[in-house]
Amino acid sequence: MAEGAPRQFDIDLPPEAIPGSYADFANVWHTPDVFVMDFVSLAQPPREDVDAEGSAVTVVSGRVVQRIRIPPPQVFELAKALTQQLEFWEQETGRRTPSPLDGP
């Protein structure tokens, strides 16, 4: 591969993957060698319960609809791409997601 030559990706998307999977949230964790993103869809509405110590808890039942593993260096590129797309979305829709400093 020539140094400095532009890359052209030829990426195949299998027909069964075109609709995608809906996820209510993602859980991200890592090992020394890989970052893992579990995309989760809720299986039923949250319900109140009591844990083993007798404390009240809200149980959220879900199912992983997709697990993605990426190498640590790629996490930086993913974070940049997500930030860029969020900025585009905010410009296109005129909406903005609340920051933690905005409060409830």
PDB file of N, CA and C in Angstrom:
ATOM      1  N   MET A   1       0.845  -1.175   0.000  1.00  0.00           N
ATOM      2  CA  MET A   1       0.000   0.000   0.000  1.00  0.00           C
ATOM      3  C   MET A   1       0.889   1.237   0.000  1.00  0.00           C
ATOM      4  N   ALA A   2       0.605   2.177  -0.878  1.00  0.00           N
ATOM      5  CA  ALA A   2       1.402   3.386  -0.998  1.00  0.00           C
ATOM      6  C   ALA A   2       1.184   4.285   0.209  1.00  0.00           C
ATOM      7  N   GLU A   3       2.286   4.795   0.764  1.00  0.00           N
ATOM      8  CA  GLU A   3       2.189   5.701   1.905  1.00  0.00           C
ATOM      9  C   GLU A   3       1.483   6.984   1.489  1.00  0.00           C
ATOM     10  N   GLY A   4       0.556   7.445   2.287  1.00  0.00           N
ATOM     11  CA  GLY A   4      -0.132   8.699   2.033  1.00  0.00           C
ATOM     12  C   GLY A   4      -1.237   8.613   0.991  1.00  0.00           C
ATOM     13  N   ALA A   5      -1.394   7.441   0.365  1.00  0.00           N
ATOM     14  CA  ALA A   5      -2.454   7.299  -0.633  1.00  0.00           C
ATOM     15  C   ALA A   5      -3.804   7.277   0.065  1.00  0.00           C
ATOM     16  N   PRO A   6      -4.811   7.938  -0.530  1.00  0.00           N
ATOM     17  CA  PRO A   6      -6.134   7.912   0.106  1.00  0.00           C
ATOM     18  C   PRO A   6      -6.705   6.507   0.112  1.00  0.00           C
ATOM     19  N   ARG A   7      -7.458   6.217   1.141  1.00  0.00           N
ATOM     20  CA  ARG A   7      -8.101   4.905   1.247  1.00  0.00           C
ATOM     21  C   ARG A   7      -9.493   4.972   0.649  1.00  0.00           C
ATOM     22  N   GLN A   8      -9.871   3.903   0.015  1.00  0.00           N
ATOM     23  CA  GLN A   8     -11.235   3.772  -0.492  1.00  0.00           C
ATOM     24  C   GLN A   8     -11.774   2.471   0.055  1.00  0.00           C
ATOM     25  N   PHE A   9     -12.797   2.571   0.882  1.00  0.00           N
ATOM     26  CA  PHE A   9     -13.368   1.385   1.509  1.00  0.00           C
ATOM     27  C   PHE A   9     -14.443   0.791   0.621  1.00  0.00           C
ATOM     28  N   ASP A  10     -14.458  -0.520   0.538  1.00  0.00           N
ATOM     29  CA  ASP A  10     -15.503  -1.263  -0.161  1.00  0.00           C
ATOM     30  C   ASP A  10     -16.118  -2.173   0.883  1.00  0.00           C
ATOM     31  N   ILE A  11     -17.197  -1.709   1.516  1.00  0.00           N
ATOM     32  CA  ILE A  11     -17.780  -2.397   2.668  1.00  0.00           C
ATOM     33  C   ILE A  11     -19.084  -3.060   2.254  1.00  0.00           C
ATOM     34  N   ASP A  12     -19.209  -4.333   2.560  1.00  0.00           N
ATOM     35  CA  ASP A  12     -20.403  -5.100   2.239  1.00  0.00           C
ATOM     36  C   ASP A  12     -21.344  -5.112   3.442  1.00  0.00           C
ATOM     37  N   LEU A  13     -22.616  -4.865   3.202  1.00  0.00           N
ATOM     38  CA  LEU A  13     -23.636  -4.957   4.242  1.00  0.00           C
ATOM     39  C   LEU A  13     -24.586  -6.071   3.850  1.00  0.00           C
ATOM     40  N   PRO A  14     -24.549  -7.190   4.582  1.00  0.00           N
ATOM     41  CA  PRO A  14     -25.447  -8.294   4.236  1.00  0.00           C
ATOM     42  C   PRO A  14     -26.901  -7.845   4.299  1.00  0.00           C
ATOM     43  N   PRO A  15     -27.744  -8.334   3.397  1.00  0.00           N
ATOM     44  CA  PRO A  15     -29.150  -7.908   3.365  1.00  0.00           C
ATOM     45  C   PRO A  15     -29.863  -8.049   4.710  1.00  0.00           C
ATOM     46  N   GLU A  16     -29.563  -9.094   5.465  1.00  0.00           N
ATOM     47  CA  GLU A  16     -30.254  -9.295   6.751  1.00  0.00           C
ATOM     48  C   GLU A  16     -29.852  -8.245   7.790  1.00  0.00           C
ATOM     49  N   ALA A  17     -28.739  -7.523   7.555  1.00  0.00           N
ATOM     50  CA  ALA A  17     -28.293  -6.501   8.499  1.00  0.00           C
ATOM     51  C   ALA A  17     -28.827  -5.115   8.156  1.00  0.00           C
ATOM     52  N   ILE A  18     -29.434  -4.948   6.999  1.00  0.00           N
ATOM     53  CA  ILE A  18     -29.896  -3.636   6.562  1.00  0.00           C
ATOM     54  C   ILE A  18     -30.875  -2.993   7.549  1.00  0.00           C
ATOM     55  N   PRO A  19     -31.863  -3.727   8.081  1.00  0.00           N
ATOM     56  CA  PRO A  19     -32.791  -3.063   9.012  1.00  0.00           C
ATOM     57  C   PRO A  19     -32.146  -2.658  10.331  1.00  0.00           C
ATOM     58  N   GLY A  20     -31.045  -3.272  10.693  1.00  0.00           N
ATOM     59  CA  GLY A  20     -30.399  -2.962  11.961  1.00  0.00           C
ATOM     60  C   GLY A  20     -31.155  -3.549  13.135  1.00  0.00           C
ATOM     61  N   SER A  21     -30.700  -3.218  14.329  1.00  0.00           N
ATOM     62  CA  SER A  21     -31.341  -3.658  15.571  1.00  0.00           C
ATOM     63  C   SER A  21     -31.566  -2.443  16.441  1.00  0.00           C
ATOM     64  N   TYR A  22     -32.750  -2.339  17.030  1.00  0.00           N
ATOM     65  CA  TYR A  22     -33.024  -1.233  17.941  1.00  0.00           C
ATOM     66  C   TYR A  22     -32.426  -1.555  19.302  1.00  0.00           C
ATOM     67  N   ALA A  23     -31.800  -0.553  19.924  1.00  0.00           N
ATOM     68  CA  ALA A  23     -31.263  -0.716  21.276  1.00  0.00           C
ATOM     69  C   ALA A  23     -31.702   0.470  22.121  1.00  0.00           C
ATOM     70  N   ASP A  24     -32.136   0.192  23.345  1.00  0.00           N
ATOM     71  CA  ASP A  24     -32.530   1.246  24.272  1.00  0.00           C
ATOM     72  C   ASP A  24     -31.323   1.900  24.933  1.00  0.00           C
ATOM     73  N   PHE A  25     -30.244   1.150  25.074  1.00  0.00           N
ATOM     74  CA  PHE A  25     -29.025   1.705  25.653  1.00  0.00           C
ATOM     75  C   PHE A  25     -27.847   0.791  25.331  1.00  0.00           C
ATOM     76  N   ALA A  26     -26.654   1.297  25.619  1.00  0.00           N
ATOM     77  CA  ALA A  26     -25.443   0.512  25.401  1.00  0.00           C
ATOM     78  C   ALA A  26     -24.657   0.448  26.705  1.00  0.00           C
ATOM     79  N   ASN A  27     -24.048  -0.687  26.943  1.00  0.00           N
ATOM     80  CA  ASN A  27     -23.162  -0.868  28.072  1.00  0.00           C
ATOM     81  C   ASN A  27     -21.757  -1.041  27.492  1.00  0.00           C
ATOM     82  N   VAL A  28     -20.806  -0.251  27.964  1.00  0.00           N
ATOM     83  CA  VAL A  28     -19.444  -0.299  27.428  1.00  0.00           C
ATOM     84  C   VAL A  28     -18.496  -0.746  28.532  1.00  0.00           C
ATOM     85  N   TRP A  29     -17.639  -1.685  28.198  1.00  0.00           N
ATOM     86  CA  TRP A  29     -16.631  -2.161  29.134  1.00  0.00           C
ATOM     87  C   TRP A  29     -15.380  -2.520  28.346  1.00  0.00           C
ATOM     88  N   HIS A  30     -14.281  -2.809  29.052  1.00  0.00           N
ATOM     89  CA  HIS A  30     -13.040  -3.086  28.341  1.00  0.00           C
ATOM     90  C   HIS A  30     -12.170  -4.101  29.072  1.00  0.00           C
ATOM     91  N   THR A  31     -11.257  -4.666  28.309  1.00  0.00           N
ATOM     92  CA  THR A  31     -10.159  -5.478  28.822  1.00  0.00           C
ATOM     93  C   THR A  31      -8.895  -4.740  28.385  1.00  0.00           C
ATOM     94  N   PRO A  32      -7.725  -5.217  28.738  1.00  0.00           N
ATOM     95  CA  PRO A  32      -6.508  -4.529  28.265  1.00  0.00           C
ATOM     96  C   PRO A  32      -6.392  -4.478  26.732  1.00  0.00           C
ATOM     97  N   ASP A  33      -7.052  -5.397  26.033  1.00  0.00           N
ATOM     98  CA  ASP A  33      -6.873  -5.504  24.584  1.00  0.00           C
ATOM     99  C   ASP A  33      -8.066  -5.116  23.730  1.00  0.00           C
ATOM    100  N   VAL A  34      -9.237  -4.911  24.324  1.00  0.00           N
ATOM    101  CA  VAL A  34     -10.427  -4.682  23.511  1.00  0.00           C
ATOM    102  C   VAL A  34     -11.476  -3.891  24.292  1.00  0.00           C
ATOM    103  N   PHE A  35     -12.209  -3.045  23.573  1.00  0.00           N
ATOM    104  CA  PHE A  35     -13.386  -2.388  24.136  1.00  0.00           C
ATOM    105  C   PHE A  35     -14.600  -3.154  23.635  1.00  0.00           C
ATOM    106  N   VAL A  36     -15.576  -3.352  24.515  1.00  0.00           N
ATOM    107  CA  VAL A  36     -16.777  -4.101  24.162  1.00  0.00           C
ATOM    108  C   VAL A  36     -17.982  -3.200  24.387  1.00  0.00           C
ATOM    109  N   MET A  37     -18.852  -3.152  23.387  1.00  0.00           N
ATOM    110  CA  MET A  37     -20.102  -2.399  23.489  1.00  0.00           C
ATOM    111  C   MET A  37     -21.237  -3.390  23.336  1.00  0.00           C
ATOM    112  N   ASP A  38     -22.030  -3.531  24.383  1.00  0.00           N
ATOM    113  CA  ASP A  38     -23.224  -4.375  24.336  1.00  0.00           C
ATOM    114  C   ASP A  38     -24.423  -3.450  24.142  1.00  0.00           C
ATOM    115  N   PHE A  39     -25.120  -3.608  23.031  1.00  0.00           N
ATOM    116  CA  PHE A  39     -26.322  -2.827  22.754  1.00  0.00           C
ATOM    117  C   PHE A  39     -27.510  -3.636  23.257  1.00  0.00           C
ATOM    118  N   VAL A  40     -28.324  -3.005  24.123  1.00  0.00           N
ATOM    119  CA  VAL A  40     -29.364  -3.714  24.863  1.00  0.00           C
ATOM    120  C   VAL A  40     -30.745  -3.156  24.533  1.00  0.00           C
ATOM    121  N   SER A  41     -31.668  -4.064  24.316  1.00  0.00           N
ATOM    122  CA  SER A  41     -33.075  -3.706  24.119  1.00  0.00           C
ATOM    123  C   SER A  41     -33.842  -4.171  25.356  1.00  0.00           C
ATOM    124  N   LEU A  42     -34.717  -3.316  25.873  1.00  0.00           N
ATOM    125  CA  LEU A  42     -35.498  -3.685  27.051  1.00  0.00           C
ATOM    126  C   LEU A  42     -36.440  -4.830  26.711  1.00  0.00           C
ATOM    127  N   ALA A  43     -36.514  -5.814  27.613  1.00  0.00           N
ATOM    128  CA  ALA A  43     -37.361  -6.983  27.400  1.00  0.00           C
ATOM    129  C   ALA A  43     -38.773  -6.757  27.949  1.00  0.00           C
ATOM    130  N   GLN A  44     -38.876  -5.900  28.957  1.00  0.00           N
ATOM    131  CA  GLN A  44     -40.167  -5.590  29.577  1.00  0.00           C
ATOM    132  C   GLN A  44     -40.000  -4.296  30.369  1.00  0.00           C
ATOM    133  N   PRO A  45     -41.081  -3.682  30.783  1.00  0.00           N
ATOM    134  CA  PRO A  45     -40.952  -2.440  31.560  1.00  0.00           C
ATOM    135  C   PRO A  45     -40.210  -2.694  32.883  1.00  0.00           C
ATOM    136  N   PRO A  46     -39.483  -1.697  33.373  1.00  0.00           N
ATOM    137  CA  PRO A  46     -38.821  -1.837  34.682  1.00  0.00           C
ATOM    138  C   PRO A  46     -39.847  -2.150  35.760  1.00  0.00           C
ATOM    139  N   ARG A  47     -39.415  -2.907  36.773  1.00  0.00           N
ATOM    140  CA  ARG A  47     -40.316  -3.267  37.868  1.00  0.00           C
ATOM    141  C   ARG A  47     -39.590  -3.104  39.206  1.00  0.00           C
ATOM    142  N   GLU A  48     -40.362  -2.811  40.215  1.00  0.00           N
ATOM    143  CA  GLU A  48     -39.810  -2.651  41.568  1.00  0.00           C
ATOM    144  C   GLU A  48     -39.648  -4.023  42.202  1.00  0.00           C
ATOM    145  N   ASP A  49     -38.557  -4.203  42.951  1.00  0.00           N
ATOM    146  CA  ASP A  49     -38.287  -5.472  43.618  1.00  0.00           C
ATOM    147  C   ASP A  49     -37.460  -5.183  44.862  1.00  0.00           C
ATOM    148  N   VAL A  50     -37.069  -6.218  45.551  1.00  0.00           N
ATOM    149  CA  VAL A  50     -36.239  -6.106  46.748  1.00  0.00           C
ATOM    150  C   VAL A  50     -35.014  -6.980  46.540  1.00  0.00           C
ATOM    151  N   ASP A  51     -33.808  -6.437  46.822  1.00  0.00           N
ATOM    152  CA  ASP A  51     -32.588  -7.223  46.651  1.00  0.00           C
ATOM    153  C   ASP A  51     -32.355  -8.145  47.845  1.00  0.00           C
ATOM    154  N   ALA A  52     -31.250  -8.889  47.840  1.00  0.00           N
ATOM    155  CA  ALA A  52     -30.950  -9.886  48.873  1.00  0.00           C
ATOM    156  C   ALA A  52     -30.826  -9.264  50.268  1.00  0.00           C
ATOM    157  N   GLU A  53     -30.429  -7.978  50.320  1.00  0.00           N
ATOM    158  CA  GLU A  53     -30.298  -7.303  51.622  1.00  0.00           C
ATOM    159  C   GLU A  53     -31.607  -6.655  52.073  1.00  0.00           C
ATOM    160  N   GLY A  54     -32.661  -6.771  51.280  1.00  0.00           N
ATOM    161  CA  GLY A  54     -33.949  -6.202  51.642  1.00  0.00           C
ATOM    162  C   GLY A  54     -34.149  -4.764  51.173  1.00  0.00           C
ATOM    163  N   SER A  55     -33.223  -4.247  50.378  1.00  0.00           N
ATOM    164  CA  SER A  55     -33.350  -2.882  49.872  1.00  0.00           C
ATOM    165  C   SER A  55     -34.180  -2.855  48.594  1.00  0.00           C
ATOM    166  N   ALA A  56     -34.948  -1.786  48.437  1.00  0.00           N
ATOM    167  CA  ALA A  56     -35.761  -1.632  47.228  1.00  0.00           C
ATOM    168  C   ALA A  56     -34.852  -1.362  46.029  1.00  0.00           C
ATOM    169  N   VAL A  57     -35.136  -2.029  44.923  1.00  0.00           N
ATOM    170  CA  VAL A  57     -34.396  -1.840  43.681  1.00  0.00           C
ATOM    171  C   VAL A  57     -35.386  -1.804  42.518  1.00  0.00           C
ATOM    172  N   THR A  58     -34.964  -1.176  41.444  1.00  0.00           N
ATOM    173  CA  THR A  58     -35.729  -1.222  40.209  1.00  0.00           C
ATOM    174  C   THR A  58     -35.007  -2.185  39.282  1.00  0.00           C
ATOM    175  N   VAL A  59     -35.699  -3.242  38.871  1.00  0.00           N
ATOM    176  CA  VAL A  59     -35.109  -4.253  38.004  1.00  0.00           C
ATOM    177  C   VAL A  59     -35.426  -3.890  36.554  1.00  0.00           C
ATOM    178  N   VAL A  60     -34.376  -3.798  35.738  1.00  0.00           N
ATOM    179  CA  VAL A  60     -34.524  -3.495  34.319  1.00  0.00           C
ATOM    180  C   VAL A  60     -34.059  -4.736  33.556  1.00  0.00           C
ATOM    181  N   SER A  61     -35.003  -5.428  32.921  1.00  0.00           N
ATOM    182  CA  SER A  61     -34.679  -6.645  32.177  1.00  0.00           C
ATOM    183  C   SER A  61     -34.439  -6.286  30.719  1.00  0.00           C
ATOM    184  N   GLY A  62     -33.323  -6.755  30.192  1.00  0.00           N
ATOM    185  CA  GLY A  62     -33.002  -6.470  28.801  1.00  0.00           C
ATOM    186  C   GLY A  62     -32.282  -7.635  28.156  1.00  0.00           C
ATOM    187  N   ARG A  63     -32.093  -7.509  26.854  1.00  0.00           N
ATOM    188  CA  ARG A  63     -31.401  -8.534  26.090  1.00  0.00           C
ATOM    189  C   ARG A  63     -30.391  -7.845  25.186  1.00  0.00           C
ATOM    190  N   VAL A  64     -29.177  -8.380  25.141  1.00  0.00           N
ATOM    191  CA  VAL A  64     -28.164  -7.844  24.231  1.00  0.00           C
ATOM    192  C   VAL A  64     -28.589  -8.197  22.808  1.00  0.00           C
ATOM    193  N   VAL A  65     -28.764  -7.150  21.977  1.00  0.00           N
ATOM    194  CA  VAL A  65     -29.141  -7.379  20.584  1.00  0.00           C
ATOM    195  C   VAL A  65     -27.921  -7.371  19.668  1.00  0.00           C
ATOM    196  N   GLN A  66     -26.819  -6.813  20.170  1.00  0.00           N
ATOM    197  CA  GLN A  66     -25.578  -6.828  19.400  1.00  0.00           C
ATOM    198  C   GLN A  66     -24.411  -6.544  20.329  1.00  0.00           C
ATOM    199  N   ARG A  67     -23.329  -7.283  20.144  1.00  0.00           N
ATOM    200  CA  ARG A  67     -22.087  -7.040  20.877  1.00  0.00           C
ATOM    201  C   ARG A  67     -21.027  -6.675  19.846  1.00  0.00           C
ATOM    202  N   ILE A  68     -20.374  -5.554  20.075  1.00  0.00           N
ATOM    203  CA  ILE A  68     -19.330  -5.082  19.170  1.00  0.00           C
ATOM    204  C   ILE A  68     -18.025  -5.010  19.958  1.00  0.00           C
ATOM    205  N   ARG A  69     -16.975  -5.561  19.385  1.00  0.00           N
ATOM    206  CA  ARG A  69     -15.641  -5.512  19.994  1.00  0.00           C
ATOM    207  C   ARG A  69     -14.734  -4.703  19.077  1.00  0.00           C
ATOM    208  N   ILE A  70     -14.046  -3.704  19.636  1.00  0.00           N
ATOM    209  CA  ILE A  70     -13.126  -2.920  18.824  1.00  0.00           C
ATOM    210  C   ILE A  70     -11.813  -2.725  19.565  1.00  0.00           C
ATOM    211  N   PRO A  71     -10.707  -2.614  18.820  1.00  0.00           N
ATOM    212  CA  PRO A  71      -9.401  -2.404  19.466  1.00  0.00           C
ATOM    213  C   PRO A  71      -9.331  -1.006  20.073  1.00  0.00           C
ATOM    214  N   PRO A  72      -8.586  -0.843  21.177  1.00  0.00           N
ATOM    215  CA  PRO A  72      -8.513   0.462  21.846  1.00  0.00           C
ATOM    216  C   PRO A  72      -8.195   1.640  20.930  1.00  0.00           C
ATOM    217  N   PRO A  73      -7.241   1.544  19.994  1.00  0.00           N
ATOM    218  CA  PRO A  73      -6.984   2.728  19.153  1.00  0.00           C
ATOM    219  C   PRO A  73      -8.207   3.169  18.350  1.00  0.00           C
ATOM    220  N   GLN A  74      -9.083   2.255  18.007  1.00  0.00           N
ATOM    221  CA  GLN A  74     -10.254   2.587  17.214  1.00  0.00           C
ATOM    222  C   GLN A  74     -11.302   3.334  18.037  1.00  0.00           C
ATOM    223  N   VAL A  75     -11.233   3.247  19.364  1.00  0.00           N
ATOM    224  CA  VAL A  75     -12.193   3.940  20.227  1.00  0.00           C
ATOM    225  C   VAL A  75     -12.105   5.454  20.014  1.00  0.00           C
ATOM    226  N   PHE A  76     -10.897   5.978  19.815  1.00  0.00           N
ATOM    227  CA  PHE A  76     -10.731   7.412  19.589  1.00  0.00           C
ATOM    228  C   PHE A  76     -11.425   7.839  18.293  1.00  0.00           C
ATOM    229  N   GLU A  77     -11.280   7.039  17.251  1.00  0.00           N
ATOM    230  CA  GLU A  77     -11.932   7.347  15.976  1.00  0.00           C
ATOM    231  C   GLU A  77     -13.456   7.262  16.117  1.00  0.00           C
ATOM    232  N   LEU A  78     -13.941   6.272  16.872  1.00  0.00           N
ATOM    233  CA  LEU A  78     -15.376   6.138  17.096  1.00  0.00           C
ATOM    234  C   LEU A  78     -15.914   7.345  17.870  1.00  0.00           C
ATOM    235  N   ALA A  79     -15.195   7.765  18.900  1.00  0.00           N
ATOM    236  CA  ALA A  79     -15.627   8.923  19.694  1.00  0.00           C
ATOM    237  C   ALA A  79     -15.687  10.173  18.826  1.00  0.00           C
ATOM    238  N   LYS A  80     -14.692  10.378  17.963  1.00  0.00           N
ATOM    239  CA  LYS A  80     -14.710  11.538  17.067  1.00  0.00           C
ATOM    240  C   LYS A  80     -15.880  11.462  16.102  1.00  0.00           C
ATOM    241  N   ALA A  81     -16.133  10.281  15.535  1.00  0.00           N
ATOM    242  CA  ALA A  81     -17.233  10.114  14.579  1.00  0.00           C
ATOM    243  C   ALA A  81     -18.581  10.353  15.256  1.00  0.00           C
ATOM    244  N   LEU A  82     -18.767   9.846  16.468  1.00  0.00           N
ATOM    245  CA  LEU A  82     -20.022  10.058  17.195  1.00  0.00           C
ATOM    246  C   LEU A  82     -20.221  11.538  17.513  1.00  0.00           C
ATOM    247  N   THR A  83     -19.166  12.215  17.950  1.00  0.00           N
ATOM    248  CA  THR A  83     -19.258  13.642  18.259  1.00  0.00           C
ATOM    249  C   THR A  83     -19.621  14.428  17.008  1.00  0.00           C
ATOM    250  N   GLN A  84     -18.979  14.119  15.890  1.00  0.00           N
ATOM    251  CA  GLN A  84     -19.250  14.816  14.635  1.00  0.00           C
ATOM    252  C   GLN A  84     -20.696  14.589  14.183  1.00  0.00           C
ATOM    253  N   GLN A  85     -21.159  13.358  14.253  1.00  0.00           N
ATOM    254  CA  GLN A  85     -22.528  13.070  13.837  1.00  0.00           C
ATOM    255  C   GLN A  85     -23.552  13.696  14.772  1.00  0.00           C
ATOM    256  N   LEU A  86     -23.252  13.756  16.061  1.00  0.00           N
ATOM    257  CA  LEU A  86     -24.149  14.415  17.005  1.00  0.00           C
ATOM    258  C   LEU A  86     -24.250  15.904  16.691  1.00  0.00           C
ATOM    259  N   GLU A  87     -23.118  16.531  16.361  1.00  0.00           N
ATOM    260  CA  GLU A  87     -23.135  17.949  15.989  1.00  0.00           C
ATOM    261  C   GLU A  87     -23.966  18.160  14.727  1.00  0.00           C
ATOM    262  N   PHE A  88     -23.820  17.296  13.723  1.00  0.00           N
ATOM    263  CA  PHE A  88     -24.620  17.388  12.499  1.00  0.00           C
ATOM    264  C   PHE A  88     -26.105  17.241  12.831  1.00  0.00           C
ATOM    265  N   TRP A  89     -26.428  16.278  13.686  1.00  0.00           N
ATOM    266  CA  TRP A  89     -27.816  16.035  14.073  1.00  0.00           C
ATOM    267  C   TRP A  89     -28.403  17.265  14.752  1.00  0.00           C
ATOM    268  N   GLU A  90     -27.623  17.858  15.681  1.00  0.00           N
ATOM    269  CA  GLU A  90     -28.094  19.051  16.384  1.00  0.00           C
ATOM    270  C   GLU A  90     -28.351  20.199  15.409  1.00  0.00           C
ATOM    271  N   GLN A  91     -27.479  20.379  14.416  1.00  0.00           N
ATOM    272  CA  GLN A  91     -27.653  21.431  13.416  1.00  0.00           C
ATOM    273  C   GLN A  91     -28.881  21.161  12.548  1.00  0.00           C
ATOM    274  N   GLU A  92     -29.073  19.913  12.155  1.00  0.00           N
ATOM    275  CA  GLU A  92     -30.182  19.558  11.268  1.00  0.00           C
ATOM    276  C   GLU A  92     -31.537  19.635  11.966  1.00  0.00           C
ATOM    277  N   THR A  93     -31.590  19.252  13.231  1.00  0.00           N
ATOM    278  CA  THR A  93     -32.876  19.183  13.932  1.00  0.00           C
ATOM    279  C   THR A  93     -33.154  20.397  14.802  1.00  0.00           C
ATOM    280  N   GLY A  94     -32.115  21.180  15.106  1.00  0.00           N
ATOM    281  CA  GLY A  94     -32.289  22.313  16.013  1.00  0.00           C
ATOM    282  C   GLY A  94     -32.434  21.878  17.452  1.00  0.00           C
ATOM    283  N   ARG A  95     -32.250  20.581  17.696  1.00  0.00           N
ATOM    284  CA  ARG A  95     -32.350  20.045  19.055  1.00  0.00           C
ATOM    285  C   ARG A  95     -30.959  19.845  19.608  1.00  0.00           C
ATOM    286  N   ARG A  96     -30.900  19.798  20.914  1.00  0.00           N
ATOM    287  CA  ARG A  96     -29.629  19.516  21.572  1.00  0.00           C
ATOM    288  C   ARG A  96     -29.915  18.614  22.751  1.00  0.00           C
ATOM    289  N   THR A  97     -28.981  17.711  22.990  1.00  0.00           N
ATOM    290  CA  THR A  97     -29.148  16.811  24.127  1.00  0.00           C
ATOM    291  C   THR A  97     -28.706  17.543  25.389  1.00  0.00           C
ATOM    292  N   PRO A  98     -29.398  17.338  26.503  1.00  0.00           N
ATOM    293  CA  PRO A  98     -29.011  18.034  27.735  1.00  0.00           C
ATOM    294  C   PRO A  98     -27.668  17.549  28.246  1.00  0.00           C
ATOM    295  N   SER A  99     -26.884  18.474  28.769  1.00  0.00           N
ATOM    296  CA  SER A  99     -25.607  18.092  29.360  1.00  0.00           C
ATOM    297  C   SER A  99     -25.849  17.782  30.834  1.00  0.00           C
ATOM    298  N   PRO A 100     -24.938  17.036  31.481  1.00  0.00           N
ATOM    299  CA  PRO A 100     -25.108  16.735  32.915  1.00  0.00           C
ATOM    300  C   PRO A 100     -25.165  18.009  33.768  1.00  0.00           C
ATOM    301  N   LEU A 101     -24.577  19.111  33.276  1.00  0.00           N
ATOM    302  CA  LEU A 101     -24.567  20.357  34.042  1.00  0.00           C
ATOM    303  C   LEU A 101     -25.916  21.077  33.979  1.00  0.00           C
ATOM    304  N   ASP A 102     -26.771  20.687  33.004  1.00  0.00           N
ATOM    305  CA  ASP A 102     -28.085  21.339  32.873  1.00  0.00           C
ATOM    306  C   ASP A 102     -29.034  20.926  33.995  1.00  0.00           C
ATOM    307  N   GLY A 103     -28.771  19.806  34.619  1.00  0.00           N
ATOM    308  CA  GLY A 103     -29.641  19.346  35.695  1.00  0.00           C
ATOM    309  C   GLY A 103     -30.921  18.729  35.169  1.00  0.00           C
ATOM    310  N   PRO A 104     -31.785  18.240  36.072  1.00  0.00           N
ATOM    311  CA  PRO A 104     -33.024  17.577  35.648  1.00  0.00           C
ATOM    312  C   PRO A 104     -34.029  18.536  35.054  1.00  0.00           C
TER     313      PRO A 104
END
